[in-house]
Amino acid sequence: MNYLVLIGDIIASRRLVDRAHVQEQLREVVSRLNAMPAGLVSPYTITLGDEFQAVFATAERMFPDALAIAHALYPVQVRFALGIGEITTAINSQQAIGMDGPAFHAARAGMQALKKEGTLFSLRGLRTTDEPLVQHTLDLLSFEMMKGWDARHYQVCLRLYERGLAEGKSRYGMMVVPQLAQELQMTERGVFRLIKSGALRQAIRIFHDIACAVDHEVDA
C-alpha cells in the first residue's frame, strides 16, 4: 500500500527574532489539524522544533492543510515536501516518527531540493503522471503566483478550497463570495480583488488536479 508523507520546515528559522513565538504558532496550528483526524494515518508531529511531518491515506487534505499552516505562520514562510510510496516499517498511529520507506525517502529528497531551489512545494514519487511537469507547475506556483500573497490571500484561498471540497466541486465557483466576505468581515469587492490579484482560482485548480493525481498513486 502506498502512503503520502508530508515533511514541513520553517524557512530560515534560526534567523527569526521571535523564533519561540513562531514555534508556538506551529504547535497550535498542527494541534488544530490533528483534531480533524480524517485522512491522517499518523498525526502531525513536530520533530526538531522547526520541522514537522505527517502521514496521509489520501491527498484530499494535503494542500488545505499546507494553506492553513502557511496562513497561521505568515509572514514566516514554510516549505512542504510531499512523498508518495510504501512505508516499510510499522505505522506509528500516535506520532509521525520511527517510520521509514520509499515515501519518507521521496519526501526527504524533496526537502533537500526545496532548500536548494528556494521553492515552497515538492512532490516526489509519482509514477503514472508526468512528475517533472507537476513539479514545474508547483515551482511556477511558488515563484510567480504565491510570491505576492499576504495572509488574506492564504485565508481566502483556504476557505474557497475547503468550501469546494465540502460541496464536491472541482471548479470552486464564486457564488460563496458573499458568505465568505461576511465570515471574514470584508467587502465582497475586497474578496474578489484578492481572488484576482492572487490568481486564487487558478491556484486551487492546480492544487485540486495534483491532489487527484496523487490519489491515483496512493490507491494503486
N, C-alpha and C. Protein backbone atom coordinates (compact mmCIF):
# COMPACT_ATOMS: atom_id res chain seq x y z
N MET A 1 0.85 -1.21 0.00
CA MET A 1 0.00 0.00 0.00
C MET A 1 0.87 1.24 0.00
N ASN A 2 0.48 2.22 -0.79
CA ASN A 2 1.19 3.49 -0.83
C ASN A 2 0.59 4.49 0.14
N TYR A 3 1.44 5.36 0.65
CA TYR A 3 1.02 6.43 1.55
C TYR A 3 1.57 7.75 1.03
N LEU A 4 1.07 8.82 1.60
CA LEU A 4 1.57 10.16 1.30
C LEU A 4 2.20 10.72 2.56
N VAL A 5 3.47 11.05 2.47
CA VAL A 5 4.22 11.61 3.60
C VAL A 5 4.45 13.09 3.36
N LEU A 6 4.19 13.89 4.38
CA LEU A 6 4.48 15.32 4.33
C LEU A 6 5.58 15.64 5.34
N ILE A 7 6.61 16.31 4.86
CA ILE A 7 7.64 16.86 5.74
C ILE A 7 7.64 18.37 5.53
N GLY A 8 7.49 19.12 6.59
CA GLY A 8 7.46 20.57 6.51
C GLY A 8 8.60 21.18 7.29
N ASP A 9 8.97 22.40 6.90
CA ASP A 9 10.12 23.06 7.53
C ASP A 9 9.92 24.57 7.47
N ILE A 10 10.12 25.24 8.60
CA ILE A 10 10.06 26.70 8.64
C ILE A 10 11.32 27.25 7.99
N ILE A 11 11.14 28.14 7.03
CA ILE A 11 12.28 28.67 6.28
C ILE A 11 13.05 29.68 7.13
N ALA A 12 14.38 29.54 7.12
CA ALA A 12 15.28 30.47 7.82
C ALA A 12 14.90 30.64 9.28
N SER A 13 14.51 29.55 9.93
CA SER A 13 14.00 29.64 11.30
C SER A 13 15.06 30.12 12.29
N ARG A 14 16.30 29.79 12.04
CA ARG A 14 17.34 30.16 13.01
C ARG A 14 17.61 31.66 13.01
N ARG A 15 17.15 32.35 11.97
CA ARG A 15 17.36 33.79 11.91
C ARG A 15 16.17 34.59 12.43
N LEU A 16 15.14 33.87 12.88
CA LEU A 16 13.95 34.56 13.37
C LEU A 16 14.20 35.20 14.73
N VAL A 17 13.82 36.45 14.86
CA VAL A 17 13.97 37.13 16.15
C VAL A 17 13.01 36.54 17.17
N ASP A 18 11.79 36.21 16.73
CA ASP A 18 10.77 35.67 17.63
C ASP A 18 10.56 34.18 17.37
N ARG A 19 11.64 33.44 17.30
CA ARG A 19 11.58 32.02 16.95
C ARG A 19 10.68 31.23 17.89
N ALA A 20 10.76 31.49 19.19
CA ALA A 20 9.95 30.76 20.15
C ALA A 20 8.46 31.00 19.90
N HIS A 21 8.10 32.23 19.56
CA HIS A 21 6.70 32.54 19.27
C HIS A 21 6.22 31.81 18.02
N VAL A 22 7.05 31.78 16.99
CA VAL A 22 6.69 31.10 15.76
C VAL A 22 6.53 29.59 16.02
N GLN A 23 7.42 29.03 16.81
CA GLN A 23 7.30 27.61 17.15
C GLN A 23 6.00 27.33 17.90
N GLU A 24 5.58 28.25 18.75
CA GLU A 24 4.31 28.08 19.46
C GLU A 24 3.14 28.17 18.49
N GLN A 25 3.22 29.08 17.53
CA GLN A 25 2.18 29.16 16.50
C GLN A 25 2.09 27.85 15.71
N LEU A 26 3.25 27.26 15.43
CA LEU A 26 3.27 25.99 14.71
C LEU A 26 2.60 24.91 15.55
N ARG A 27 2.93 24.85 16.83
CA ARG A 27 2.31 23.85 17.70
C ARG A 27 0.79 24.00 17.74
N GLU A 28 0.33 25.24 17.76
CA GLU A 28 -1.11 25.48 17.82
C GLU A 28 -1.81 25.03 16.55
N VAL A 29 -1.23 25.36 15.39
CA VAL A 29 -1.92 25.02 14.15
C VAL A 29 -1.89 23.51 13.90
N VAL A 30 -0.80 22.82 14.19
CA VAL A 30 -0.79 21.38 13.97
C VAL A 30 -1.70 20.67 14.97
N SER A 31 -1.86 21.25 16.15
CA SER A 31 -2.81 20.68 17.11
C SER A 31 -4.23 20.77 16.58
N ARG A 32 -4.57 21.89 15.95
CA ARG A 32 -5.90 22.05 15.35
C ARG A 32 -6.09 21.05 14.21
N LEU A 33 -5.07 20.87 13.41
CA LEU A 33 -5.18 19.93 12.29
C LEU A 33 -5.30 18.49 12.78
N ASN A 34 -4.59 18.16 13.84
CA ASN A 34 -4.69 16.81 14.40
C ASN A 34 -6.05 16.54 15.02
N ALA A 35 -6.76 17.60 15.39
CA ALA A 35 -8.11 17.43 15.95
C ALA A 35 -9.11 17.03 14.87
N MET A 36 -8.69 17.07 13.61
CA MET A 36 -9.52 16.62 12.48
C MET A 36 -8.81 15.42 11.86
N PRO A 37 -8.98 14.23 12.44
CA PRO A 37 -8.14 13.08 12.06
C PRO A 37 -8.46 12.44 10.72
N ALA A 38 -9.55 12.83 10.07
CA ALA A 38 -9.91 12.20 8.80
C ALA A 38 -8.75 12.27 7.81
N GLY A 39 -8.38 11.11 7.28
CA GLY A 39 -7.31 11.06 6.28
C GLY A 39 -5.91 10.94 6.85
N LEU A 40 -5.75 11.20 8.14
CA LEU A 40 -4.43 11.11 8.77
C LEU A 40 -4.16 9.67 9.21
N VAL A 41 -3.06 9.12 8.74
CA VAL A 41 -2.62 7.80 9.20
C VAL A 41 -1.72 7.95 10.42
N SER A 42 -0.89 8.97 10.39
CA SER A 42 -0.01 9.30 11.50
C SER A 42 -0.05 10.82 11.66
N PRO A 43 -0.31 11.32 12.87
CA PRO A 43 -0.63 12.74 13.04
C PRO A 43 0.58 13.66 12.85
N TYR A 44 0.27 14.93 12.67
CA TYR A 44 1.32 15.94 12.61
C TYR A 44 2.17 15.87 13.87
N THR A 45 3.46 15.77 13.66
CA THR A 45 4.41 15.66 14.77
C THR A 45 5.57 16.61 14.52
N ILE A 46 5.83 17.48 15.47
CA ILE A 46 6.99 18.37 15.37
C ILE A 46 8.22 17.59 15.79
N THR A 47 9.20 17.53 14.91
CA THR A 47 10.35 16.66 15.14
C THR A 47 11.58 17.38 15.65
N LEU A 48 11.83 18.60 15.14
CA LEU A 48 13.05 19.31 15.52
C LEU A 48 12.78 20.76 15.91
N GLY A 49 11.61 21.05 16.40
CA GLY A 49 11.28 22.41 16.77
C GLY A 49 10.78 23.24 15.62
N ASP A 50 11.46 23.15 14.47
CA ASP A 50 11.08 23.92 13.29
C ASP A 50 10.64 23.02 12.14
N GLU A 51 10.69 21.72 12.33
CA GLU A 51 10.30 20.76 11.31
C GLU A 51 9.16 19.90 11.82
N PHE A 52 8.36 19.40 10.89
CA PHE A 52 7.22 18.57 11.28
C PHE A 52 6.91 17.59 10.16
N GLN A 53 6.20 16.54 10.48
CA GLN A 53 5.82 15.57 9.46
C GLN A 53 4.52 14.88 9.84
N ALA A 54 3.89 14.29 8.81
CA ALA A 54 2.63 13.58 8.98
C ALA A 54 2.50 12.58 7.85
N VAL A 55 1.62 11.60 8.03
CA VAL A 55 1.37 10.59 7.01
C VAL A 55 -0.12 10.56 6.71
N PHE A 56 -0.46 10.54 5.41
CA PHE A 56 -1.85 10.57 4.98
C PHE A 56 -2.21 9.31 4.19
N ALA A 57 -3.49 8.96 4.25
CA ALA A 57 -4.00 7.86 3.45
C ALA A 57 -4.48 8.35 2.08
N THR A 58 -4.85 9.62 2.00
CA THR A 58 -5.30 10.23 0.74
C THR A 58 -4.69 11.63 0.64
N ALA A 59 -4.86 12.23 -0.53
CA ALA A 59 -4.28 13.55 -0.77
C ALA A 59 -5.28 14.68 -0.57
N GLU A 60 -6.51 14.36 -0.20
CA GLU A 60 -7.57 15.38 -0.17
C GLU A 60 -7.21 16.59 0.67
N ARG A 61 -6.59 16.37 1.83
CA ARG A 61 -6.36 17.49 2.74
C ARG A 61 -4.93 18.03 2.69
N MET A 62 -4.08 17.51 1.83
CA MET A 62 -2.67 17.91 1.91
C MET A 62 -2.48 19.39 1.59
N PHE A 63 -3.13 19.91 0.56
CA PHE A 63 -2.96 21.33 0.24
C PHE A 63 -3.76 22.24 1.16
N PRO A 64 -5.02 21.90 1.52
CA PRO A 64 -5.68 22.73 2.53
C PRO A 64 -4.91 22.82 3.84
N ASP A 65 -4.32 21.72 4.27
CA ASP A 65 -3.50 21.75 5.49
C ASP A 65 -2.30 22.66 5.31
N ALA A 66 -1.65 22.57 4.16
CA ALA A 66 -0.48 23.42 3.90
C ALA A 66 -0.88 24.89 3.90
N LEU A 67 -2.03 25.21 3.32
CA LEU A 67 -2.51 26.59 3.32
C LEU A 67 -2.81 27.06 4.74
N ALA A 68 -3.40 26.18 5.56
CA ALA A 68 -3.71 26.54 6.94
C ALA A 68 -2.43 26.84 7.73
N ILE A 69 -1.40 26.03 7.52
CA ILE A 69 -0.14 26.25 8.22
C ILE A 69 0.52 27.53 7.73
N ALA A 70 0.53 27.73 6.42
CA ALA A 70 1.14 28.94 5.85
C ALA A 70 0.44 30.20 6.35
N HIS A 71 -0.88 30.14 6.45
CA HIS A 71 -1.64 31.29 6.93
C HIS A 71 -1.34 31.55 8.40
N ALA A 72 -1.28 30.50 9.20
CA ALA A 72 -1.05 30.65 10.64
C ALA A 72 0.32 31.25 10.95
N LEU A 73 1.33 30.93 10.12
CA LEU A 73 2.68 31.38 10.40
C LEU A 73 3.08 32.63 9.62
N TYR A 74 2.25 33.09 8.70
CA TYR A 74 2.59 34.27 7.89
C TYR A 74 2.96 35.45 8.80
N PRO A 75 4.01 36.23 8.47
CA PRO A 75 4.78 36.28 7.21
C PRO A 75 5.94 35.29 7.12
N VAL A 76 6.15 34.50 8.16
CA VAL A 76 7.18 33.47 8.09
C VAL A 76 6.74 32.43 7.05
N GLN A 77 7.66 32.00 6.21
CA GLN A 77 7.33 31.05 5.16
C GLN A 77 7.68 29.62 5.57
N VAL A 78 6.95 28.69 4.99
CA VAL A 78 7.13 27.27 5.27
C VAL A 78 7.27 26.53 3.95
N ARG A 79 8.19 25.57 3.89
CA ARG A 79 8.33 24.73 2.71
C ARG A 79 7.72 23.35 3.02
N PHE A 80 7.12 22.74 1.99
CA PHE A 80 6.39 21.48 2.15
C PHE A 80 6.90 20.46 1.13
N ALA A 81 7.43 19.35 1.63
CA ALA A 81 7.91 18.27 0.76
C ALA A 81 6.98 17.07 0.91
N LEU A 82 6.45 16.60 -0.21
CA LEU A 82 5.49 15.50 -0.23
C LEU A 82 6.10 14.31 -0.94
N GLY A 83 5.95 13.14 -0.35
CA GLY A 83 6.49 11.92 -0.93
C GLY A 83 5.45 10.82 -0.97
N ILE A 84 5.38 10.12 -2.10
CA ILE A 84 4.42 9.03 -2.27
C ILE A 84 5.18 7.72 -2.34
N GLY A 85 4.68 6.70 -1.68
CA GLY A 85 5.31 5.39 -1.75
C GLY A 85 4.93 4.52 -0.57
N GLU A 86 5.60 3.40 -0.47
CA GLU A 86 5.34 2.47 0.63
C GLU A 86 6.05 2.93 1.90
N ILE A 87 5.54 2.48 3.02
CA ILE A 87 6.22 2.61 4.31
C ILE A 87 6.54 1.20 4.76
N THR A 88 7.81 0.90 4.89
CA THR A 88 8.25 -0.48 5.11
C THR A 88 8.33 -0.86 6.58
N THR A 89 8.22 0.12 7.47
CA THR A 89 8.20 -0.16 8.90
C THR A 89 6.76 -0.16 9.39
N ALA A 90 6.57 -0.51 10.64
CA ALA A 90 5.23 -0.46 11.22
C ALA A 90 4.74 0.99 11.26
N ILE A 91 3.45 1.17 11.01
CA ILE A 91 2.85 2.51 11.06
C ILE A 91 2.70 2.94 12.52
N ASN A 92 3.20 4.11 12.83
CA ASN A 92 3.04 4.69 14.16
C ASN A 92 1.83 5.62 14.11
N SER A 93 0.73 5.18 14.67
CA SER A 93 -0.50 5.96 14.60
C SER A 93 -0.57 7.05 15.67
N GLN A 94 0.42 7.09 16.55
CA GLN A 94 0.43 8.07 17.64
C GLN A 94 1.31 9.27 17.32
N GLN A 95 2.45 9.04 16.65
CA GLN A 95 3.37 10.10 16.27
C GLN A 95 4.00 9.75 14.93
N ALA A 96 4.28 10.75 14.13
CA ALA A 96 4.88 10.51 12.82
C ALA A 96 6.40 10.42 12.94
N ILE A 97 6.87 9.49 13.75
CA ILE A 97 8.29 9.24 13.94
C ILE A 97 8.53 7.74 13.94
N GLY A 98 9.80 7.35 13.77
CA GLY A 98 10.15 5.93 13.84
C GLY A 98 9.71 5.12 12.65
N MET A 99 9.39 5.79 11.53
CA MET A 99 8.96 5.08 10.32
C MET A 99 9.93 5.37 9.18
N ASP A 100 9.92 4.46 8.20
CA ASP A 100 10.82 4.64 7.06
C ASP A 100 10.24 3.90 5.86
N GLY A 101 10.82 4.18 4.72
CA GLY A 101 10.38 3.55 3.49
C GLY A 101 10.44 4.53 2.34
N PRO A 102 10.11 4.09 1.13
CA PRO A 102 10.21 4.96 -0.05
C PRO A 102 9.45 6.27 0.06
N ALA A 103 8.31 6.29 0.74
CA ALA A 103 7.54 7.53 0.87
C ALA A 103 8.34 8.57 1.65
N PHE A 104 8.99 8.14 2.73
CA PHE A 104 9.83 9.06 3.51
C PHE A 104 11.07 9.46 2.73
N HIS A 105 11.65 8.51 2.00
CA HIS A 105 12.84 8.83 1.21
C HIS A 105 12.52 9.90 0.16
N ALA A 106 11.34 9.76 -0.49
CA ALA A 106 10.95 10.73 -1.51
C ALA A 106 10.72 12.11 -0.89
N ALA A 107 10.07 12.14 0.27
CA ALA A 107 9.82 13.43 0.92
C ALA A 107 11.12 14.09 1.35
N ARG A 108 12.04 13.31 1.89
CA ARG A 108 13.32 13.88 2.35
C ARG A 108 14.13 14.41 1.16
N ALA A 109 14.13 13.66 0.06
CA ALA A 109 14.83 14.13 -1.13
C ALA A 109 14.21 15.42 -1.64
N GLY A 110 12.89 15.49 -1.58
CA GLY A 110 12.21 16.70 -1.99
C GLY A 110 12.56 17.88 -1.11
N MET A 111 12.68 17.65 0.18
CA MET A 111 13.04 18.73 1.09
C MET A 111 14.43 19.27 0.78
N GLN A 112 15.37 18.40 0.46
CA GLN A 112 16.70 18.86 0.09
C GLN A 112 16.66 19.71 -1.18
N ALA A 113 15.82 19.31 -2.13
CA ALA A 113 15.69 20.08 -3.36
C ALA A 113 15.07 21.45 -3.08
N LEU A 114 14.09 21.50 -2.20
CA LEU A 114 13.45 22.77 -1.86
C LEU A 114 14.46 23.74 -1.24
N LYS A 115 15.30 23.23 -0.36
CA LYS A 115 16.29 24.08 0.27
C LYS A 115 17.29 24.63 -0.75
N LYS A 116 17.55 23.86 -1.79
CA LYS A 116 18.48 24.28 -2.82
C LYS A 116 17.84 25.26 -3.78
N GLU A 117 16.57 25.00 -4.17
CA GLU A 117 15.91 25.80 -5.20
C GLU A 117 15.20 27.02 -4.64
N GLY A 118 14.84 26.98 -3.36
CA GLY A 118 14.15 28.11 -2.77
C GLY A 118 12.66 28.16 -3.06
N THR A 119 12.07 27.04 -3.45
CA THR A 119 10.64 26.98 -3.72
C THR A 119 9.89 26.46 -2.49
N LEU A 120 8.56 26.39 -2.60
CA LEU A 120 7.74 26.09 -1.42
C LEU A 120 7.18 24.67 -1.40
N PHE A 121 6.99 24.06 -2.58
CA PHE A 121 6.37 22.73 -2.64
C PHE A 121 7.22 21.77 -3.47
N SER A 122 7.34 20.56 -2.98
CA SER A 122 7.97 19.49 -3.74
C SER A 122 7.06 18.26 -3.66
N LEU A 123 6.95 17.54 -4.77
CA LEU A 123 6.17 16.31 -4.80
C LEU A 123 6.96 15.26 -5.56
N ARG A 124 7.28 14.17 -4.87
CA ARG A 124 8.05 13.10 -5.50
C ARG A 124 7.38 11.75 -5.25
N GLY A 125 7.58 10.84 -6.18
CA GLY A 125 7.02 9.50 -6.06
C GLY A 125 5.91 9.21 -7.05
N LEU A 126 5.53 10.19 -7.87
CA LEU A 126 4.51 9.94 -8.89
C LEU A 126 5.08 9.01 -9.95
N ARG A 127 4.26 8.06 -10.39
CA ARG A 127 4.70 7.12 -11.41
C ARG A 127 3.87 7.21 -12.68
N THR A 128 2.55 7.29 -12.55
CA THR A 128 1.69 7.29 -13.72
C THR A 128 1.44 8.69 -14.26
N THR A 129 1.92 9.69 -13.58
CA THR A 129 1.75 11.08 -14.03
C THR A 129 3.13 11.65 -14.33
N ASP A 130 3.19 12.64 -15.17
CA ASP A 130 4.45 13.28 -15.53
C ASP A 130 4.96 14.08 -14.33
N GLU A 131 5.80 13.48 -13.52
CA GLU A 131 6.28 14.13 -12.30
C GLU A 131 7.02 15.44 -12.57
N PRO A 132 7.90 15.50 -13.58
CA PRO A 132 8.56 16.79 -13.84
C PRO A 132 7.58 17.92 -14.14
N LEU A 133 6.52 17.62 -14.91
CA LEU A 133 5.53 18.65 -15.23
C LEU A 133 4.82 19.12 -13.96
N VAL A 134 4.47 18.18 -13.08
CA VAL A 134 3.83 18.55 -11.81
C VAL A 134 4.76 19.43 -10.99
N GLN A 135 6.04 19.06 -10.93
CA GLN A 135 6.98 19.84 -10.13
C GLN A 135 7.21 21.22 -10.74
N HIS A 136 7.29 21.30 -12.06
CA HIS A 136 7.45 22.61 -12.69
C HIS A 136 6.24 23.50 -12.40
N THR A 137 5.05 22.90 -12.38
CA THR A 137 3.85 23.67 -12.07
C THR A 137 3.89 24.19 -10.64
N LEU A 138 4.34 23.35 -9.71
CA LEU A 138 4.46 23.78 -8.32
C LEU A 138 5.54 24.86 -8.17
N ASP A 139 6.61 24.75 -8.94
CA ASP A 139 7.65 25.79 -8.92
C ASP A 139 7.09 27.12 -9.40
N LEU A 140 6.33 27.07 -10.49
CA LEU A 140 5.72 28.28 -11.03
C LEU A 140 4.75 28.89 -10.02
N LEU A 141 4.00 28.03 -9.34
CA LEU A 141 3.09 28.50 -8.30
C LEU A 141 3.86 29.23 -7.21
N SER A 142 4.99 28.69 -6.81
CA SER A 142 5.79 29.30 -5.75
C SER A 142 6.39 30.63 -6.17
N PHE A 143 6.99 30.64 -7.35
CA PHE A 143 7.76 31.80 -7.79
C PHE A 143 6.89 32.94 -8.33
N GLU A 144 5.81 32.60 -9.03
CA GLU A 144 5.05 33.62 -9.74
C GLU A 144 3.70 33.93 -9.11
N MET A 145 2.99 32.92 -8.62
CA MET A 145 1.63 33.14 -8.15
C MET A 145 1.57 33.46 -6.65
N MET A 146 2.34 32.74 -5.86
CA MET A 146 2.23 32.88 -4.41
C MET A 146 3.19 33.91 -3.83
N LYS A 147 4.13 34.39 -4.62
CA LYS A 147 5.14 35.29 -4.07
C LYS A 147 4.53 36.63 -3.63
N GLY A 148 3.38 36.99 -4.19
CA GLY A 148 2.73 38.23 -3.81
C GLY A 148 1.59 38.06 -2.82
N TRP A 149 1.39 36.84 -2.32
CA TRP A 149 0.30 36.60 -1.39
C TRP A 149 0.61 37.17 -0.01
N ASP A 150 -0.42 37.71 0.64
CA ASP A 150 -0.30 38.04 2.05
C ASP A 150 -1.20 37.10 2.83
N ALA A 151 -1.37 37.34 4.13
CA ALA A 151 -2.14 36.43 4.97
C ALA A 151 -3.57 36.28 4.47
N ARG A 152 -4.15 37.35 3.94
CA ARG A 152 -5.53 37.28 3.47
C ARG A 152 -5.67 36.39 2.24
N HIS A 153 -4.67 36.41 1.37
CA HIS A 153 -4.72 35.51 0.21
C HIS A 153 -4.75 34.06 0.66
N TYR A 154 -3.89 33.72 1.61
CA TYR A 154 -3.89 32.35 2.12
C TYR A 154 -5.23 32.00 2.73
N GLN A 155 -5.79 32.94 3.49
CA GLN A 155 -7.04 32.68 4.19
C GLN A 155 -8.20 32.48 3.20
N VAL A 156 -8.31 33.37 2.22
CA VAL A 156 -9.38 33.26 1.24
C VAL A 156 -9.21 32.01 0.39
N CYS A 157 -7.99 31.72 -0.03
CA CYS A 157 -7.72 30.52 -0.82
C CYS A 157 -8.13 29.27 -0.04
N LEU A 158 -7.78 29.22 1.23
CA LEU A 158 -8.13 28.07 2.06
C LEU A 158 -9.64 27.92 2.17
N ARG A 159 -10.34 29.03 2.44
CA ARG A 159 -11.79 28.95 2.61
C ARG A 159 -12.48 28.50 1.32
N LEU A 160 -12.05 29.05 0.18
CA LEU A 160 -12.64 28.65 -1.09
C LEU A 160 -12.38 27.17 -1.38
N TYR A 161 -11.17 26.74 -1.10
CA TYR A 161 -10.80 25.34 -1.34
C TYR A 161 -11.63 24.42 -0.45
N GLU A 162 -11.72 24.74 0.83
CA GLU A 162 -12.48 23.92 1.76
C GLU A 162 -13.96 23.87 1.37
N ARG A 163 -14.51 25.02 0.95
CA ARG A 163 -15.91 25.06 0.55
C ARG A 163 -16.14 24.18 -0.67
N GLY A 164 -15.19 24.23 -1.60
CA GLY A 164 -15.32 23.40 -2.79
C GLY A 164 -15.27 21.92 -2.45
N LEU A 165 -14.38 21.52 -1.55
CA LEU A 165 -14.31 20.13 -1.14
C LEU A 165 -15.59 19.68 -0.46
N ALA A 166 -16.12 20.54 0.41
CA ALA A 166 -17.34 20.20 1.15
C ALA A 166 -18.54 20.03 0.22
N GLU A 167 -18.54 20.80 -0.88
CA GLU A 167 -19.67 20.76 -1.80
C GLU A 167 -19.43 19.84 -2.99
N GLY A 168 -18.26 19.17 -2.98
CA GLY A 168 -17.96 18.23 -4.06
C GLY A 168 -17.73 18.89 -5.40
N LYS A 169 -17.17 20.10 -5.37
CA LYS A 169 -16.93 20.83 -6.62
C LYS A 169 -15.45 20.95 -6.88
N SER A 170 -15.07 20.79 -8.14
CA SER A 170 -13.67 20.95 -8.50
C SER A 170 -13.39 22.31 -9.12
N ARG A 171 -14.43 23.06 -9.46
CA ARG A 171 -14.20 24.35 -10.11
C ARG A 171 -14.26 25.51 -9.13
N TYR A 172 -14.79 25.27 -7.96
CA TYR A 172 -14.76 26.28 -6.89
C TYR A 172 -15.34 27.61 -7.36
N GLY A 173 -16.64 27.57 -7.68
CA GLY A 173 -17.34 28.76 -8.15
C GLY A 173 -17.35 29.88 -7.13
N MET A 174 -17.62 31.07 -7.62
CA MET A 174 -17.54 32.26 -6.78
C MET A 174 -18.85 32.60 -6.10
N MET A 175 -19.84 31.70 -6.17
CA MET A 175 -21.14 32.00 -5.56
C MET A 175 -21.05 32.10 -4.04
N VAL A 176 -19.95 31.64 -3.46
CA VAL A 176 -19.81 31.68 -2.00
C VAL A 176 -19.18 32.98 -1.52
N VAL A 177 -18.83 33.88 -2.42
CA VAL A 177 -18.13 35.11 -2.03
C VAL A 177 -18.92 35.95 -1.03
N PRO A 178 -20.23 36.16 -1.21
CA PRO A 178 -20.95 36.97 -0.22
C PRO A 178 -20.86 36.40 1.20
N GLN A 179 -21.03 35.10 1.32
CA GLN A 179 -20.93 34.49 2.64
C GLN A 179 -19.50 34.56 3.17
N LEU A 180 -18.54 34.35 2.27
CA LEU A 180 -17.14 34.41 2.68
C LEU A 180 -16.77 35.82 3.14
N ALA A 181 -17.25 36.83 2.43
CA ALA A 181 -16.97 38.21 2.83
C ALA A 181 -17.52 38.50 4.22
N GLN A 182 -18.70 37.98 4.51
CA GLN A 182 -19.30 38.19 5.82
C GLN A 182 -18.49 37.49 6.91
N GLU A 183 -18.07 36.26 6.63
CA GLU A 183 -17.29 35.49 7.61
C GLU A 183 -15.96 36.17 7.92
N LEU A 184 -15.34 36.75 6.92
CA LEU A 184 -14.02 37.36 7.08
C LEU A 184 -14.08 38.85 7.37
N GLN A 185 -15.31 39.38 7.48
CA GLN A 185 -15.52 40.81 7.75
C GLN A 185 -14.81 41.67 6.70
N MET A 186 -15.06 41.31 5.46
CA MET A 186 -14.53 42.04 4.31
C MET A 186 -15.69 42.41 3.39
N THR A 187 -15.44 43.31 2.46
CA THR A 187 -16.42 43.60 1.43
C THR A 187 -16.31 42.54 0.34
N GLU A 188 -17.39 42.35 -0.39
CA GLU A 188 -17.35 41.40 -1.50
C GLU A 188 -16.31 41.84 -2.53
N ARG A 189 -16.25 43.15 -2.77
CA ARG A 189 -15.26 43.66 -3.72
C ARG A 189 -13.85 43.32 -3.26
N GLY A 190 -13.62 43.43 -1.94
CA GLY A 190 -12.30 43.11 -1.40
C GLY A 190 -11.95 41.65 -1.60
N VAL A 191 -12.93 40.76 -1.43
CA VAL A 191 -12.68 39.33 -1.63
C VAL A 191 -12.38 39.06 -3.10
N PHE A 192 -13.18 39.62 -3.99
CA PHE A 192 -12.94 39.43 -5.43
C PHE A 192 -11.56 39.97 -5.83
N ARG A 193 -11.17 41.10 -5.24
CA ARG A 193 -9.87 41.67 -5.55
C ARG A 193 -8.74 40.73 -5.15
N LEU A 194 -8.87 40.09 -3.97
CA LEU A 194 -7.87 39.13 -3.52
C LEU A 194 -7.83 37.91 -4.45
N ILE A 195 -8.99 37.44 -4.84
CA ILE A 195 -9.06 36.28 -5.72
C ILE A 195 -8.36 36.56 -7.04
N LYS A 196 -8.60 37.76 -7.57
CA LYS A 196 -7.99 38.11 -8.86
C LYS A 196 -6.50 38.39 -8.73
N SER A 197 -6.10 39.18 -7.73
CA SER A 197 -4.69 39.56 -7.60
C SER A 197 -3.80 38.37 -7.28
N GLY A 198 -4.33 37.39 -6.57
CA GLY A 198 -3.54 36.22 -6.21
C GLY A 198 -3.74 35.02 -7.12
N ALA A 199 -4.57 35.20 -8.17
CA ALA A 199 -4.90 34.09 -9.08
C ALA A 199 -5.34 32.87 -8.27
N LEU A 200 -6.23 33.11 -7.30
CA LEU A 200 -6.60 32.05 -6.36
C LEU A 200 -7.39 30.92 -7.02
N ARG A 201 -8.26 31.26 -7.96
CA ARG A 201 -9.00 30.20 -8.63
C ARG A 201 -8.05 29.27 -9.38
N GLN A 202 -7.06 29.86 -10.05
CA GLN A 202 -6.09 29.04 -10.79
C GLN A 202 -5.26 28.20 -9.82
N ALA A 203 -4.87 28.79 -8.70
CA ALA A 203 -4.09 28.03 -7.71
C ALA A 203 -4.88 26.86 -7.17
N ILE A 204 -6.16 27.08 -6.88
CA ILE A 204 -6.99 25.99 -6.34
C ILE A 204 -7.14 24.88 -7.36
N ARG A 205 -7.31 25.23 -8.62
CA ARG A 205 -7.43 24.19 -9.65
C ARG A 205 -6.16 23.38 -9.75
N ILE A 206 -5.01 24.05 -9.64
CA ILE A 206 -3.73 23.32 -9.65
C ILE A 206 -3.66 22.37 -8.46
N PHE A 207 -3.97 22.88 -7.28
CA PHE A 207 -3.94 22.03 -6.08
C PHE A 207 -4.88 20.84 -6.23
N HIS A 208 -6.08 21.10 -6.71
CA HIS A 208 -7.08 20.04 -6.83
C HIS A 208 -6.63 18.97 -7.82
N ASP A 209 -6.14 19.38 -9.00
CA ASP A 209 -5.75 18.41 -10.02
C ASP A 209 -4.55 17.59 -9.57
N ILE A 210 -3.60 18.22 -8.89
CA ILE A 210 -2.44 17.47 -8.39
C ILE A 210 -2.88 16.50 -7.31
N ALA A 211 -3.78 16.92 -6.43
CA ALA A 211 -4.27 16.01 -5.39
C ALA A 211 -4.96 14.80 -6.00
N CYS A 212 -5.72 15.00 -7.08
CA CYS A 212 -6.37 13.88 -7.75
C CYS A 212 -5.34 12.91 -8.33
N ALA A 213 -4.28 13.47 -8.92
CA ALA A 213 -3.22 12.62 -9.48
C ALA A 213 -2.53 11.82 -8.38
N VAL A 214 -2.30 12.47 -7.23
CA VAL A 214 -1.67 11.77 -6.11
C VAL A 214 -2.57 10.65 -5.60
N ASP A 215 -3.87 10.90 -5.53
CA ASP A 215 -4.79 9.87 -5.03
C ASP A 215 -4.78 8.63 -5.91
N HIS A 216 -4.59 8.80 -7.21
CA HIS A 216 -4.48 7.64 -8.09
C HIS A 216 -3.26 6.80 -7.73
N GLU A 217 -2.18 7.47 -7.34
CA GLU A 217 -0.96 6.77 -6.96
C GLU A 217 -1.11 6.10 -5.59
N VAL A 218 -1.71 6.80 -4.66
CA VAL A 218 -1.85 6.27 -3.30
C VAL A 218 -2.77 5.05 -3.31
N ASP A 219 -3.81 5.10 -4.13
CA ASP A 219 -4.77 3.98 -4.19
C ASP A 219 -4.23 2.80 -4.98
N ALA A 220 -3.13 3.00 -5.69
CA ALA A 220 -2.61 1.93 -6.55
C ALA A 220 -2.09 0.75 -5.74
